[in-house]
N, C-alpha and C. Protein backbone atom coordinates (compact mmCIF):
# COMPACT_ATOMS: atom_id res chain seq x y z
N MET A 1 106.58 149.13 37.91
CA MET A 1 106.87 149.38 39.42
C MET A 1 105.43 150.16 39.95
N ASN A 2 104.78 150.98 39.12
CA ASN A 2 103.69 151.63 39.57
C ASN A 2 102.54 150.84 39.78
N VAL A 3 102.41 149.37 38.98
CA VAL A 3 101.48 148.72 39.15
C VAL A 3 101.34 148.07 40.57
N LEU A 4 102.67 147.41 40.84
CA LEU A 4 102.94 146.97 42.14
C LEU A 4 102.61 147.98 43.25
N ILE A 5 102.73 149.19 43.17
CA ILE A 5 102.41 150.26 44.25
C ILE A 5 100.88 150.39 44.45
N GLY A 6 100.30 150.26 43.15
CA GLY A 6 98.67 150.47 43.02
C GLY A 6 98.25 149.01 43.70
N ILE A 7 98.69 147.83 43.59
CA ILE A 7 98.21 146.73 44.10
C ILE A 7 98.61 146.63 45.50
N ALA A 8 99.58 147.00 45.97
CA ALA A 8 99.87 147.27 47.39
C ALA A 8 98.93 148.09 48.29
N VAL A 9 98.67 149.27 47.78
CA VAL A 9 97.83 150.24 48.16
C VAL A 9 96.42 149.58 48.23
N VAL A 10 95.91 148.94 47.25
CA VAL A 10 94.45 148.44 47.32
C VAL A 10 94.50 147.26 48.47
N LEU A 11 95.52 146.43 48.41
CA LEU A 11 95.55 145.26 49.42
C LEU A 11 95.69 145.81 51.07
N PHE A 12 96.40 147.09 50.89
CA PHE A 12 96.46 147.60 52.42
C PHE A 12 94.89 148.23 52.81
N THR A 13 94.41 148.77 51.65
CA THR A 13 93.01 149.50 51.94
C THR A 13 92.18 148.47 52.54
N LEU A 14 92.11 147.28 51.58
CA LEU A 14 91.14 146.22 51.84
C LEU A 14 91.24 145.52 53.24
N GLY A 15 92.53 145.39 53.70
CA GLY A 15 92.64 145.04 55.06
C GLY A 15 92.37 145.75 56.15
N ALA A 16 92.57 147.25 55.86
CA ALA A 16 92.04 148.19 56.92
C ALA A 16 90.72 148.33 57.08
N LEU A 17 89.97 148.25 56.00
CA LEU A 17 88.68 148.27 55.69
C LEU A 17 87.93 147.00 56.45
N ALA A 18 88.82 145.76 56.32
CA ALA A 18 87.96 144.63 56.96
C ALA A 18 88.18 144.54 58.37
N ALA A 19 89.31 145.23 58.85
CA ALA A 19 89.74 145.40 60.27
C ALA A 19 88.77 146.41 61.00
N LEU A 20 88.56 147.49 60.15
CA LEU A 20 87.64 148.50 60.69
C LEU A 20 86.24 147.88 60.96
N TYR A 21 85.74 146.92 60.02
CA TYR A 21 84.40 146.38 59.95
C TYR A 21 84.14 145.46 61.15
N ARG A 22 85.50 144.68 61.52
CA ARG A 22 85.28 144.06 62.52
C ARG A 22 85.54 144.70 63.97
N LEU A 23 86.12 145.83 63.84
CA LEU A 23 86.32 146.65 65.08
C LEU A 23 84.96 147.53 65.41
N ILE A 24 84.09 147.66 64.36
CA ILE A 24 82.88 148.15 64.60
C ILE A 24 81.70 147.16 64.90
N THR A 25 81.67 145.93 64.39
CA THR A 25 80.70 144.97 64.63
C THR A 25 81.09 143.91 65.46
N GLY A 26 82.39 143.82 65.93
CA GLY A 26 82.80 142.59 66.43
C GLY A 26 82.03 142.48 67.99
N PRO A 27 81.66 141.10 67.99
CA PRO A 27 80.62 140.86 69.08
C PRO A 27 81.22 140.68 70.61
N THR A 28 82.45 140.60 70.79
CA THR A 28 83.10 140.69 71.91
C THR A 28 84.30 141.66 71.83
N LEU A 29 84.54 142.01 73.24
CA LEU A 29 85.88 142.92 73.45
C LEU A 29 87.17 142.46 72.88
N LEU A 30 87.32 141.24 72.93
CA LEU A 30 88.51 140.49 72.52
C LEU A 30 88.62 140.60 70.84
N ASP A 31 87.31 140.45 70.27
CA ASP A 31 87.34 140.55 68.71
C ASP A 31 87.80 142.22 68.41
N ARG A 32 87.35 142.98 69.22
CA ARG A 32 87.67 144.55 68.79
C ARG A 32 89.18 144.88 69.18
N VAL A 33 89.52 144.20 70.16
CA VAL A 33 91.04 144.20 70.49
C VAL A 33 91.89 143.69 69.20
N VAL A 34 91.78 142.81 68.93
CA VAL A 34 92.46 141.94 67.74
C VAL A 34 92.07 142.93 66.47
N ALA A 35 91.05 143.40 66.30
CA ALA A 35 90.78 144.17 65.12
C ALA A 35 91.57 145.45 65.02
N SER A 36 91.71 146.16 66.26
CA SER A 36 92.57 147.26 66.41
C SER A 36 93.96 146.98 66.27
N ASP A 37 94.31 145.73 66.77
CA ASP A 37 95.71 145.51 66.47
C ASP A 37 96.06 145.37 65.05
N VAL A 38 95.11 144.80 64.34
CA VAL A 38 95.28 144.40 62.68
C VAL A 38 95.33 145.80 62.20
N LEU A 39 94.41 146.77 62.57
CA LEU A 39 94.17 147.87 62.06
C LEU A 39 95.54 148.91 62.10
N LEU A 40 96.00 148.74 63.26
CA LEU A 40 97.48 149.45 63.74
C LEU A 40 98.60 148.63 62.79
N VAL A 41 98.65 147.46 62.64
CA VAL A 41 99.70 146.68 62.01
C VAL A 41 99.62 147.04 60.39
N THR A 42 98.32 147.25 60.10
CA THR A 42 98.27 147.59 58.55
C THR A 42 98.69 149.05 58.32
N MET A 43 98.45 149.87 59.40
CA MET A 43 98.87 151.29 59.05
C MET A 43 100.27 151.29 59.13
N MET A 44 101.00 150.43 60.10
CA MET A 44 102.37 150.41 60.03
C MET A 44 103.15 149.94 58.79
N CYS A 45 102.56 148.78 58.45
CA CYS A 45 102.93 148.26 57.07
C CYS A 45 102.98 149.32 55.60
N GLY A 46 101.71 150.02 55.87
CA GLY A 46 101.62 150.98 54.99
C GLY A 46 102.78 152.07 55.06
N LEU A 47 103.06 152.59 56.24
CA LEU A 47 104.23 153.54 56.37
C LEU A 47 105.37 152.99 56.04
N GLY A 48 105.64 151.84 56.33
CA GLY A 48 106.77 151.09 56.04
C GLY A 48 106.92 151.04 54.54
N ALA A 49 105.98 150.52 53.76
CA ALA A 49 106.12 150.51 52.35
C ALA A 49 106.12 151.73 51.81
N GLU A 50 105.65 153.05 52.39
CA GLU A 50 105.74 154.27 51.82
C GLU A 50 107.48 154.76 51.99
N MET A 51 107.70 154.39 53.02
CA MET A 51 109.17 154.84 53.23
C MET A 51 110.03 154.05 52.48
N ALA A 52 109.85 152.73 52.09
CA ALA A 52 110.80 152.07 51.15
C ALA A 52 110.60 152.72 49.70
N ILE A 53 109.51 152.98 49.36
CA ILE A 53 109.14 153.36 48.03
C ILE A 53 109.95 154.79 47.85
N ASN A 54 109.78 155.59 48.58
CA ASN A 54 110.23 156.98 48.67
C ASN A 54 111.60 157.06 49.20
N HIS A 55 112.25 155.98 49.63
CA HIS A 55 113.53 156.10 50.13
C HIS A 55 113.73 157.01 51.29
N HIS A 56 113.30 157.11 52.18
CA HIS A 56 113.63 158.03 53.31
C HIS A 56 112.95 157.23 54.63
N THR A 57 113.48 157.94 55.79
CA THR A 57 113.03 157.32 57.16
C THR A 57 112.52 158.21 57.91
N THR A 58 111.91 159.54 57.58
CA THR A 58 111.36 160.50 58.34
C THR A 58 110.18 159.90 59.00
N SER A 59 109.38 159.04 58.60
CA SER A 59 108.25 158.36 59.28
C SER A 59 108.59 157.52 60.40
N LEU A 60 109.93 157.30 60.56
CA LEU A 60 110.10 156.19 61.63
C LEU A 60 109.71 156.48 63.20
N PRO A 61 109.89 157.52 63.47
CA PRO A 61 109.51 157.89 64.84
C PRO A 61 107.82 157.59 65.09
N LEU A 62 107.10 157.94 64.02
CA LEU A 62 105.60 157.48 63.89
C LEU A 62 105.23 155.96 63.98
N LEU A 63 106.29 155.31 63.14
CA LEU A 63 106.11 154.01 63.23
C LEU A 63 106.50 153.43 64.67
N LEU A 64 107.42 153.96 65.13
CA LEU A 64 107.76 153.36 66.69
C LEU A 64 106.73 153.70 67.45
N VAL A 65 105.99 154.94 67.51
CA VAL A 65 104.87 155.27 68.45
C VAL A 65 103.84 154.29 68.22
N LEU A 66 103.42 154.13 67.08
CA LEU A 66 102.26 153.18 66.66
C LEU A 66 102.63 151.78 67.13
N ALA A 67 103.74 151.22 67.05
CA ALA A 67 104.16 149.98 67.63
C ALA A 67 104.06 149.90 69.11
N ALA A 68 104.50 150.95 69.71
CA ALA A 68 104.28 151.07 71.37
C ALA A 68 102.97 151.02 71.80
N PHE A 69 102.01 151.94 70.89
CA PHE A 69 100.88 152.15 71.43
C PHE A 69 100.04 150.72 71.11
N ALA A 70 100.37 150.12 70.02
CA ALA A 70 99.67 148.57 69.93
C ALA A 70 100.09 147.57 71.05
N PHE A 71 101.19 147.64 71.43
CA PHE A 71 101.76 146.54 72.49
C PHE A 71 101.13 147.06 73.78
N VAL A 72 101.33 148.50 74.16
CA VAL A 72 100.69 148.76 75.41
C VAL A 72 99.28 148.56 75.49
N GLY A 73 98.39 148.78 74.34
CA GLY A 73 97.02 148.63 74.34
C GLY A 73 96.54 147.31 74.57
N SER A 74 97.46 146.37 73.87
CA SER A 74 97.05 144.86 73.93
C SER A 74 97.33 144.44 75.30
N VAL A 75 98.42 144.48 75.92
CA VAL A 75 98.64 144.21 77.19
C VAL A 75 97.90 144.83 78.44
N SER A 76 97.29 145.85 78.22
CA SER A 76 96.42 146.23 79.14
C SER A 76 95.13 145.71 78.96
N VAL A 77 94.59 145.51 78.06
CA VAL A 77 93.36 144.89 77.73
C VAL A 77 93.41 143.36 78.23
N ALA A 78 94.49 142.75 77.91
CA ALA A 78 94.72 141.36 78.28
C ALA A 78 94.85 141.11 79.86
N ARG A 79 95.36 142.18 80.62
CA ARG A 79 95.56 142.12 82.01
C ARG A 79 94.07 142.51 82.43
N PHE A 80 93.41 143.46 81.79
CA PHE A 80 92.00 143.79 82.32
C PHE A 80 91.07 142.33 82.11
N MET A 81 91.19 141.75 81.20
CA MET A 81 90.35 140.60 80.92
C MET A 81 90.83 139.46 81.77
N GLY A 82 92.10 139.30 82.00
CA GLY A 82 92.62 138.50 83.10
C GLY A 82 91.97 138.55 84.38
N ARG A 83 91.96 139.87 84.99
CA ARG A 83 91.29 140.17 86.07
C ARG A 83 89.75 140.11 86.26
N ARG A 84 89.25 140.24 85.16
CA ARG A 84 87.78 140.10 84.96
C ARG A 84 87.15 138.61 85.05
N ASP A 85 88.20 137.68 84.55
CA ASP A 85 87.91 136.26 84.61
C ASP A 85 87.97 135.89 85.90
N ASP A 86 88.89 136.46 86.85
CA ASP A 86 89.18 135.84 88.08
C ASP A 86 88.13 136.04 89.27
N THR A 87 87.22 137.08 88.85
CA THR A 87 86.14 137.38 89.74
C THR A 87 84.97 136.65 89.49
């Protein structure tokens, strides 16, 4: 069981680092938005895995706030980019 937890931690860390790299070096705004969504989803998956491993639900409000933040941010940028393309 400890080996699987270690593998999950390494994979989540690699995914977060790849998203952070794209967030910093992304050539366009949309690349950066997608990278921030990937980073937030990776954090949410890490929190969900931690809750499943330790058999608790105390991090659930944080998980819901992260999901709402990711959704509102993506919709806001999509609306901004849609208005920018119209002009």
